[in-house]
Amino acid sequence: MAEQTYWRPGEEGEDLPATAAQIADALEMQKEREDFYPEEAPWEYTRADLAGQTRAQVSRIMDGLADGVC
């Protein structure tokens, strides 16, 4: 399986806005984490919260959401 990336060739390292696909994936990961750890305080990111972030910031949020789940 190919590695998922939200950057096109040549964009790596640029501080670009998060993509719609990345935001959708982060929201899905948030739901999966809530299902996996129901006793945890919920992560409460909204589409609007994530839309104001850069790709790198959303990537770090996704890393946090995946911690202990993946």
PDB file of N, CA and C in Angstrom:
ATOM      1  N   MET A   1       0.844  -1.175   0.000  1.00  0.00           N
ATOM      2  CA  MET A   1       0.000   0.000   0.000  1.00  0.00           C
ATOM      3  C   MET A   1       0.884   1.231   0.000  1.00  0.00           C
ATOM      4  N   ALA A   2       0.538   2.215  -0.805  1.00  0.00           N
ATOM      5  CA  ALA A   2       1.315   3.451  -0.892  1.00  0.00           C
ATOM      6  C   ALA A   2       1.100   4.300   0.352  1.00  0.00           C
ATOM      7  N   GLU A   3       2.131   5.029   0.714  1.00  0.00           N
ATOM      8  CA  GLU A   3       2.038   5.919   1.869  1.00  0.00           C
ATOM      9  C   GLU A   3       1.126   7.096   1.523  1.00  0.00           C
ATOM     10  N   GLN A   4       0.232   7.460   2.441  1.00  0.00           N
ATOM     11  CA  GLN A   4      -0.679   8.589   2.235  1.00  0.00           C
ATOM     12  C   GLN A   4       0.097   9.883   2.415  1.00  0.00           C
ATOM     13  N   THR A   5      -0.064  10.787   1.493  1.00  0.00           N
ATOM     14  CA  THR A   5       0.564  12.098   1.621  1.00  0.00           C
ATOM     15  C   THR A   5      -0.419  13.171   1.183  1.00  0.00           C
ATOM     16  N   TYR A   6      -0.311  14.326   1.771  1.00  0.00           N
ATOM     17  CA  TYR A   6      -1.176  15.452   1.440  1.00  0.00           C
ATOM     18  C   TYR A   6      -0.398  16.537   0.703  1.00  0.00           C
ATOM     19  N   TRP A   7       0.850  16.237   0.356  1.00  0.00           N
ATOM     20  CA  TRP A   7       1.699  17.168  -0.369  1.00  0.00           C
ATOM     21  C   TRP A   7       1.934  16.634  -1.769  1.00  0.00           C
ATOM     22  N   ARG A   8       1.956  17.509  -2.729  1.00  0.00           N
ATOM     23  CA  ARG A   8       2.335  17.143  -4.091  1.00  0.00           C
ATOM     24  C   ARG A   8       3.845  17.296  -4.200  1.00  0.00           C
ATOM     25  N   PRO A   9       4.458  16.649  -5.166  1.00  0.00           N
ATOM     26  CA  PRO A   9       5.909  16.819  -5.337  1.00  0.00           C
ATOM     27  C   PRO A   9       6.270  18.303  -5.455  1.00  0.00           C
ATOM     28  N   GLY A  10       7.282  18.691  -4.709  1.00  0.00           N
ATOM     29  CA  GLY A  10       7.739  20.070  -4.707  1.00  0.00           C
ATOM     30  C   GLY A  10       7.123  20.931  -3.620  1.00  0.00           C
ATOM     31  N   GLU A  11       6.063  20.442  -2.970  1.00  0.00           N
ATOM     32  CA  GLU A  11       5.411  21.215  -1.916  1.00  0.00           C
ATOM     33  C   GLU A  11       5.953  20.900  -0.534  1.00  0.00           C
ATOM     34  N   GLU A  12       6.703  19.813  -0.398  1.00  0.00           N
ATOM     35  CA  GLU A  12       7.195  19.409   0.905  1.00  0.00           C
ATOM     36  C   GLU A  12       7.945  20.559   1.559  1.00  0.00           C
ATOM     37  N   GLY A  13       7.682  20.764   2.825  1.00  0.00           N
ATOM     38  CA  GLY A  13       8.379  21.791   3.577  1.00  0.00           C
ATOM     39  C   GLY A  13       7.726  23.159   3.488  1.00  0.00           C
ATOM     40  N   GLU A  14       6.760  23.331   2.591  1.00  0.00           N
ATOM     41  CA  GLU A  14       6.058  24.607   2.508  1.00  0.00           C
ATOM     42  C   GLU A  14       4.937  24.625   3.541  1.00  0.00           C
ATOM     43  N   ASP A  15       4.659  25.804   4.070  1.00  0.00           N
ATOM     44  CA  ASP A  15       3.635  25.967   5.086  1.00  0.00           C
ATOM     45  C   ASP A  15       2.298  26.252   4.401  1.00  0.00           C
ATOM     46  N   LEU A  16       1.688  25.212   3.836  1.00  0.00           N
ATOM     47  CA  LEU A  16       0.469  25.353   3.051  1.00  0.00           C
ATOM     48  C   LEU A  16      -0.763  25.046   3.903  1.00  0.00           C
ATOM     49  N   PRO A  17      -1.921  25.594   3.526  1.00  0.00           N
ATOM     50  CA  PRO A  17      -3.154  25.277   4.259  1.00  0.00           C
ATOM     51  C   PRO A  17      -3.485  23.787   4.154  1.00  0.00           C
ATOM     52  N   ALA A  18      -4.160  23.274   5.165  1.00  0.00           N
ATOM     53  CA  ALA A  18      -4.596  21.878   5.166  1.00  0.00           C
ATOM     54  C   ALA A  18      -5.533  21.637   3.988  1.00  0.00           C
ATOM     55  N   THR A  19      -5.475  20.430   3.431  1.00  0.00           N
ATOM     56  CA  THR A  19      -6.356  20.073   2.310  1.00  0.00           C
ATOM     57  C   THR A  19      -7.678  19.531   2.848  1.00  0.00           C
ATOM     58  N   ALA A  20      -8.699  19.560   2.004  1.00  0.00           N
ATOM     59  CA  ALA A  20     -10.002  19.018   2.389  1.00  0.00           C
ATOM     60  C   ALA A  20      -9.895  17.536   2.730  1.00  0.00           C
ATOM     61  N   ALA A  21      -9.086  16.791   1.969  1.00  0.00           N
ATOM     62  CA  ALA A  21      -8.913  15.358   2.239  1.00  0.00           C
ATOM     63  C   ALA A  21      -8.242  15.140   3.588  1.00  0.00           C
ATOM     64  N   GLN A  22      -7.253  15.937   3.915  1.00  0.00           N
ATOM     65  CA  GLN A  22      -6.552  15.809   5.183  1.00  0.00           C
ATOM     66  C   GLN A  22      -7.496  16.123   6.344  1.00  0.00           C
ATOM     67  N   ILE A  23      -8.306  17.157   6.192  1.00  0.00           N
ATOM     68  CA  ILE A  23      -9.265  17.528   7.240  1.00  0.00           C
ATOM     69  C   ILE A  23     -10.280  16.403   7.434  1.00  0.00           C
ATOM     70  N   ALA A  24     -10.796  15.845   6.343  1.00  0.00           N
ATOM     71  CA  ALA A  24     -11.757  14.737   6.438  1.00  0.00           C
ATOM     72  C   ALA A  24     -11.130  13.535   7.135  1.00  0.00           C
ATOM     73  N   ASP A  25      -9.886  13.232   6.802  1.00  0.00           N
ATOM     74  CA  ASP A  25      -9.187  12.113   7.444  1.00  0.00           C
ATOM     75  C   ASP A  25      -8.984  12.373   8.935  1.00  0.00           C
ATOM     76  N   ALA A  26      -8.640  13.590   9.303  1.00  0.00           N
ATOM     77  CA  ALA A  26      -8.438  13.922  10.717  1.00  0.00           C
ATOM     78  C   ALA A  26      -9.739  13.784  11.499  1.00  0.00           C
ATOM     79  N   LEU A  27     -10.840  14.234  10.931  1.00  0.00           N
ATOM     80  CA  LEU A  27     -12.131  14.104  11.607  1.00  0.00           C
ATOM     81  C   LEU A  27     -12.534  12.637  11.755  1.00  0.00           C
ATOM     82  N   GLU A  28     -12.230  11.819  10.742  1.00  0.00           N
ATOM     83  CA  GLU A  28     -12.500  10.383  10.819  1.00  0.00           C
ATOM     84  C   GLU A  28     -11.636   9.743  11.913  1.00  0.00           C
ATOM     85  N   MET A  29     -10.377  10.151  11.979  1.00  0.00           N
ATOM     86  CA  MET A  29      -9.479   9.619  13.016  1.00  0.00           C
ATOM     87  C   MET A  29      -9.982  10.009  14.400  1.00  0.00           C
ATOM     88  N   GLN A  30     -10.500  11.231  14.533  1.00  0.00           N
ATOM     89  CA  GLN A  30     -11.042  11.681  15.809  1.00  0.00           C
ATOM     90  C   GLN A  30     -12.201  10.777  16.230  1.00  0.00           C
ATOM     91  N   LYS A  31     -13.083  10.447  15.301  1.00  0.00           N
ATOM     92  CA  LYS A  31     -14.220   9.556  15.597  1.00  0.00           C
ATOM     93  C   LYS A  31     -13.730   8.162  15.983  1.00  0.00           C
ATOM     94  N   GLU A  32     -12.744   7.635  15.245  1.00  0.00           N
ATOM     95  CA  GLU A  32     -12.198   6.318  15.567  1.00  0.00           C
ATOM     96  C   GLU A  32     -11.562   6.312  16.954  1.00  0.00           C
ATOM     97  N   ARG A  33     -10.870   7.379  17.308  1.00  0.00           N
ATOM     98  CA  ARG A  33     -10.238   7.456  18.636  1.00  0.00           C
ATOM     99  C   ARG A  33     -11.311   7.472  19.727  1.00  0.00           C
ATOM    100  N   GLU A  34     -12.381   8.216  19.509  1.00  0.00           N
ATOM    101  CA  GLU A  34     -13.472   8.260  20.482  1.00  0.00           C
ATOM    102  C   GLU A  34     -14.095   6.877  20.657  1.00  0.00           C
ATOM    103  N   ASP A  35     -14.205   6.113  19.562  1.00  0.00           N
ATOM    104  CA  ASP A  35     -14.741   4.754  19.635  1.00  0.00           C
ATOM    105  C   ASP A  35     -13.775   3.817  20.355  1.00  0.00           C
ATOM    106  N   PHE A  36     -12.466   4.007  20.129  1.00  0.00           N
ATOM    107  CA  PHE A  36     -11.440   3.139  20.686  1.00  0.00           C
ATOM    108  C   PHE A  36     -11.207   3.422  22.170  1.00  0.00           C
ATOM    109  N   TYR A  37     -11.257   4.694  22.551  1.00  0.00           N
ATOM    110  CA  TYR A  37     -11.025   5.121  23.939  1.00  0.00           C
ATOM    111  C   TYR A  37     -12.227   5.916  24.449  1.00  0.00           C
ATOM    112  N   PRO A  38     -13.365   5.265  24.686  1.00  0.00           N
ATOM    113  CA  PRO A  38     -14.562   6.011  25.110  1.00  0.00           C
ATOM    114  C   PRO A  38     -14.406   6.689  26.469  1.00  0.00           C
ATOM    115  N   GLU A  39     -13.468   6.209  27.295  1.00  0.00           N
ATOM    116  CA  GLU A  39     -13.293   6.795  28.622  1.00  0.00           C
ATOM    117  C   GLU A  39     -12.480   8.087  28.598  1.00  0.00           C
ATOM    118  N   GLU A  40     -11.799   8.355  27.482  1.00  0.00           N
ATOM    119  CA  GLU A  40     -10.998   9.572  27.350  1.00  0.00           C
ATOM    120  C   GLU A  40     -11.886  10.783  27.148  1.00  0.00           C
ATOM    121  N   ALA A  41     -11.378  11.926  27.580  1.00  0.00           N
ATOM    122  CA  ALA A  41     -12.061  13.170  27.234  1.00  0.00           C
ATOM    123  C   ALA A  41     -12.042  13.291  25.711  1.00  0.00           C
ATOM    124  N   PRO A  42     -13.151  13.650  25.113  1.00  0.00           N
ATOM    125  CA  PRO A  42     -13.201  13.674  23.654  1.00  0.00           C
ATOM    126  C   PRO A  42     -12.317  14.768  23.054  1.00  0.00           C
ATOM    127  N   TRP A  43     -11.758  14.444  21.911  1.00  0.00           N
ATOM    128  CA  TRP A  43     -11.062  15.448  21.114  1.00  0.00           C
ATOM    129  C   TRP A  43     -12.176  16.207  20.416  1.00  0.00           C
ATOM    130  N   GLU A  44     -12.114  17.493  20.405  1.00  0.00           N
ATOM    131  CA  GLU A  44     -13.228  18.261  19.877  1.00  0.00           C
ATOM    132  C   GLU A  44     -12.808  19.193  18.747  1.00  0.00           C
ATOM    133  N   TYR A  45     -12.139  18.638  17.760  1.00  0.00           N
ATOM    134  CA  TYR A  45     -11.788  19.435  16.588  1.00  0.00           C
ATOM    135  C   TYR A  45     -12.984  19.481  15.661  1.00  0.00           C
ATOM    136  N   THR A  46     -13.220  20.626  15.072  1.00  0.00           N
ATOM    137  CA  THR A  46     -14.263  20.772  14.069  1.00  0.00           C
ATOM    138  C   THR A  46     -13.598  21.029  12.720  1.00  0.00           C
ATOM    139  N   ARG A  47     -14.387  20.891  11.671  1.00  0.00           N
ATOM    140  CA  ARG A  47     -13.875  21.184  10.332  1.00  0.00           C
ATOM    141  C   ARG A  47     -13.330  22.610  10.284  1.00  0.00           C
ATOM    142  N   ALA A  48     -14.015  23.553  10.918  1.00  0.00           N
ATOM    143  CA  ALA A  48     -13.570  24.956  10.915  1.00  0.00           C
ATOM    144  C   ALA A  48     -12.246  25.111  11.664  1.00  0.00           C
ATOM    145  N   ASP A  49     -12.083  24.398  12.798  1.00  0.00           N
ATOM    146  CA  ASP A  49     -10.812  24.457  13.535  1.00  0.00           C
ATOM    147  C   ASP A  49      -9.657  24.003  12.652  1.00  0.00           C
ATOM    148  N   LEU A  50      -9.855  22.889  11.979  1.00  0.00           N
ATOM    149  CA  LEU A  50      -8.786  22.301  11.171  1.00  0.00           C
ATOM    150  C   LEU A  50      -8.535  23.095   9.890  1.00  0.00           C
ATOM    151  N   ALA A  51      -9.570  23.725   9.354  1.00  0.00           N
ATOM    152  CA  ALA A  51      -9.411  24.495   8.120  1.00  0.00           C
ATOM    153  C   ALA A  51      -8.488  25.694   8.331  1.00  0.00           C
ATOM    154  N   GLY A  52      -8.361  26.163   9.546  1.00  0.00           N
ATOM    155  CA  GLY A  52      -7.483  27.285   9.837  1.00  0.00           C
ATOM    156  C   GLY A  52      -6.046  26.883  10.108  1.00  0.00           C
ATOM    157  N   GLN A  53      -5.743  25.594   9.996  1.00  0.00           N
ATOM    158  CA  GLN A  53      -4.408  25.078  10.294  1.00  0.00           C
ATOM    159  C   GLN A  53      -3.629  24.821   9.007  1.00  0.00           C
ATOM    160  N   THR A  54      -2.320  24.697   9.158  1.00  0.00           N
ATOM    161  CA  THR A  54      -1.493  24.309   8.018  1.00  0.00           C
ATOM    162  C   THR A  54      -1.478  22.788   7.918  1.00  0.00           C
ATOM    163  N   ARG A  55      -0.971  22.281   6.800  1.00  0.00           N
ATOM    164  CA  ARG A  55      -0.871  20.830   6.614  1.00  0.00           C
ATOM    165  C   ARG A  55      -0.004  20.210   7.703  1.00  0.00           C
ATOM    166  N   ALA A  56       1.082  20.879   8.055  1.00  0.00           N
ATOM    167  CA  ALA A  56       1.969  20.341   9.082  1.00  0.00           C
ATOM    168  C   ALA A  56       1.269  20.305  10.440  1.00  0.00           C
ATOM    169  N   GLN A  57       0.494  21.340  10.766  1.00  0.00           N
ATOM    170  CA  GLN A  57      -0.217  21.361  12.048  1.00  0.00           C
ATOM    171  C   GLN A  57      -1.262  20.247  12.113  1.00  0.00           C
ATOM    172  N   VAL A  58      -2.018  20.065  11.044  1.00  0.00           N
ATOM    173  CA  VAL A  58      -3.033  19.006  11.023  1.00  0.00           C
ATOM    174  C   VAL A  58      -2.352  17.636  11.054  1.00  0.00           C
ATOM    175  N   SER A  59      -1.214  17.530  10.423  1.00  0.00           N
ATOM    176  CA  SER A  59      -0.468  16.275  10.459  1.00  0.00           C
ATOM    177  C   SER A  59      -0.060  15.936  11.895  1.00  0.00           C
ATOM    178  N   ARG A  60       0.373  16.932  12.655  1.00  0.00           N
ATOM    179  CA  ARG A  60       0.729  16.699  14.070  1.00  0.00           C
ATOM    180  C   ARG A  60      -0.507  16.326  14.890  1.00  0.00           C
ATOM    181  N   ILE A  61      -1.645  16.948  14.608  1.00  0.00           N
ATOM    182  CA  ILE A  61      -2.895  16.594  15.289  1.00  0.00           C
ATOM    183  C   ILE A  61      -3.243  15.142  14.989  1.00  0.00           C
ATOM    184  N   MET A  62      -3.105  14.741  13.725  1.00  0.00           N
ATOM    185  CA  MET A  62      -3.390  13.357  13.334  1.00  0.00           C
ATOM    186  C   MET A  62      -2.447  12.384  14.024  1.00  0.00           C
ATOM    187  N   ASP A  63      -1.181  12.764  14.184  1.00  0.00           N
ATOM    188  CA  ASP A  63      -0.240  11.916  14.915  1.00  0.00           C
ATOM    189  C   ASP A  63      -0.712  11.694  16.340  1.00  0.00           C
ATOM    190  N   GLY A  64      -1.197  12.764  16.981  1.00  0.00           N
ATOM    191  CA  GLY A  64      -1.720  12.650  18.343  1.00  0.00           C
ATOM    192  C   GLY A  64      -2.948  11.772  18.406  1.00  0.00           C
ATOM    193  N   LEU A  65      -3.835  11.917  17.420  1.00  0.00           N
ATOM    194  CA  LEU A  65      -5.040  11.087  17.388  1.00  0.00           C
ATOM    195  C   LEU A  65      -4.708   9.613  17.193  1.00  0.00           C
ATOM    196  N   ALA A  66      -3.672   9.334  16.417  1.00  0.00           N
ATOM    197  CA  ALA A  66      -3.286   7.952  16.123  1.00  0.00           C
ATOM    198  C   ALA A  66      -2.526   7.298  17.269  1.00  0.00           C
ATOM    199  N   ASP A  67      -1.957   8.087  18.158  1.00  0.00           N
ATOM    200  CA  ASP A  67      -1.150   7.556  19.239  1.00  0.00           C
ATOM    201  C   ASP A  67      -1.928   6.553  20.076  1.00  0.00           C
ATOM    202  N   GLY A  68      -1.469   5.321  20.090  1.00  0.00           N
ATOM    203  CA  GLY A  68      -2.109   4.269  20.867  1.00  0.00           C
ATOM    204  C   GLY A  68      -3.245   3.569  20.156  1.00  0.00           C
ATOM    205  N   VAL A  69      -3.670   4.085  19.001  1.00  0.00           N
ATOM    206  CA  VAL A  69      -4.769   3.480  18.260  1.00  0.00           C
ATOM    207  C   VAL A  69      -4.246   2.657  17.097  1.00  0.00           C
ATOM    208  N   CYS A  70      -3.279   3.192  16.375  1.00  0.00           N
ATOM    209  CA  CYS A  70      -2.729   2.516  15.200  1.00  0.00           C
ATOM    210  C   CYS A  70      -1.536   1.671  15.565  1.00  0.00           C
TER     211      CYS A  70
END
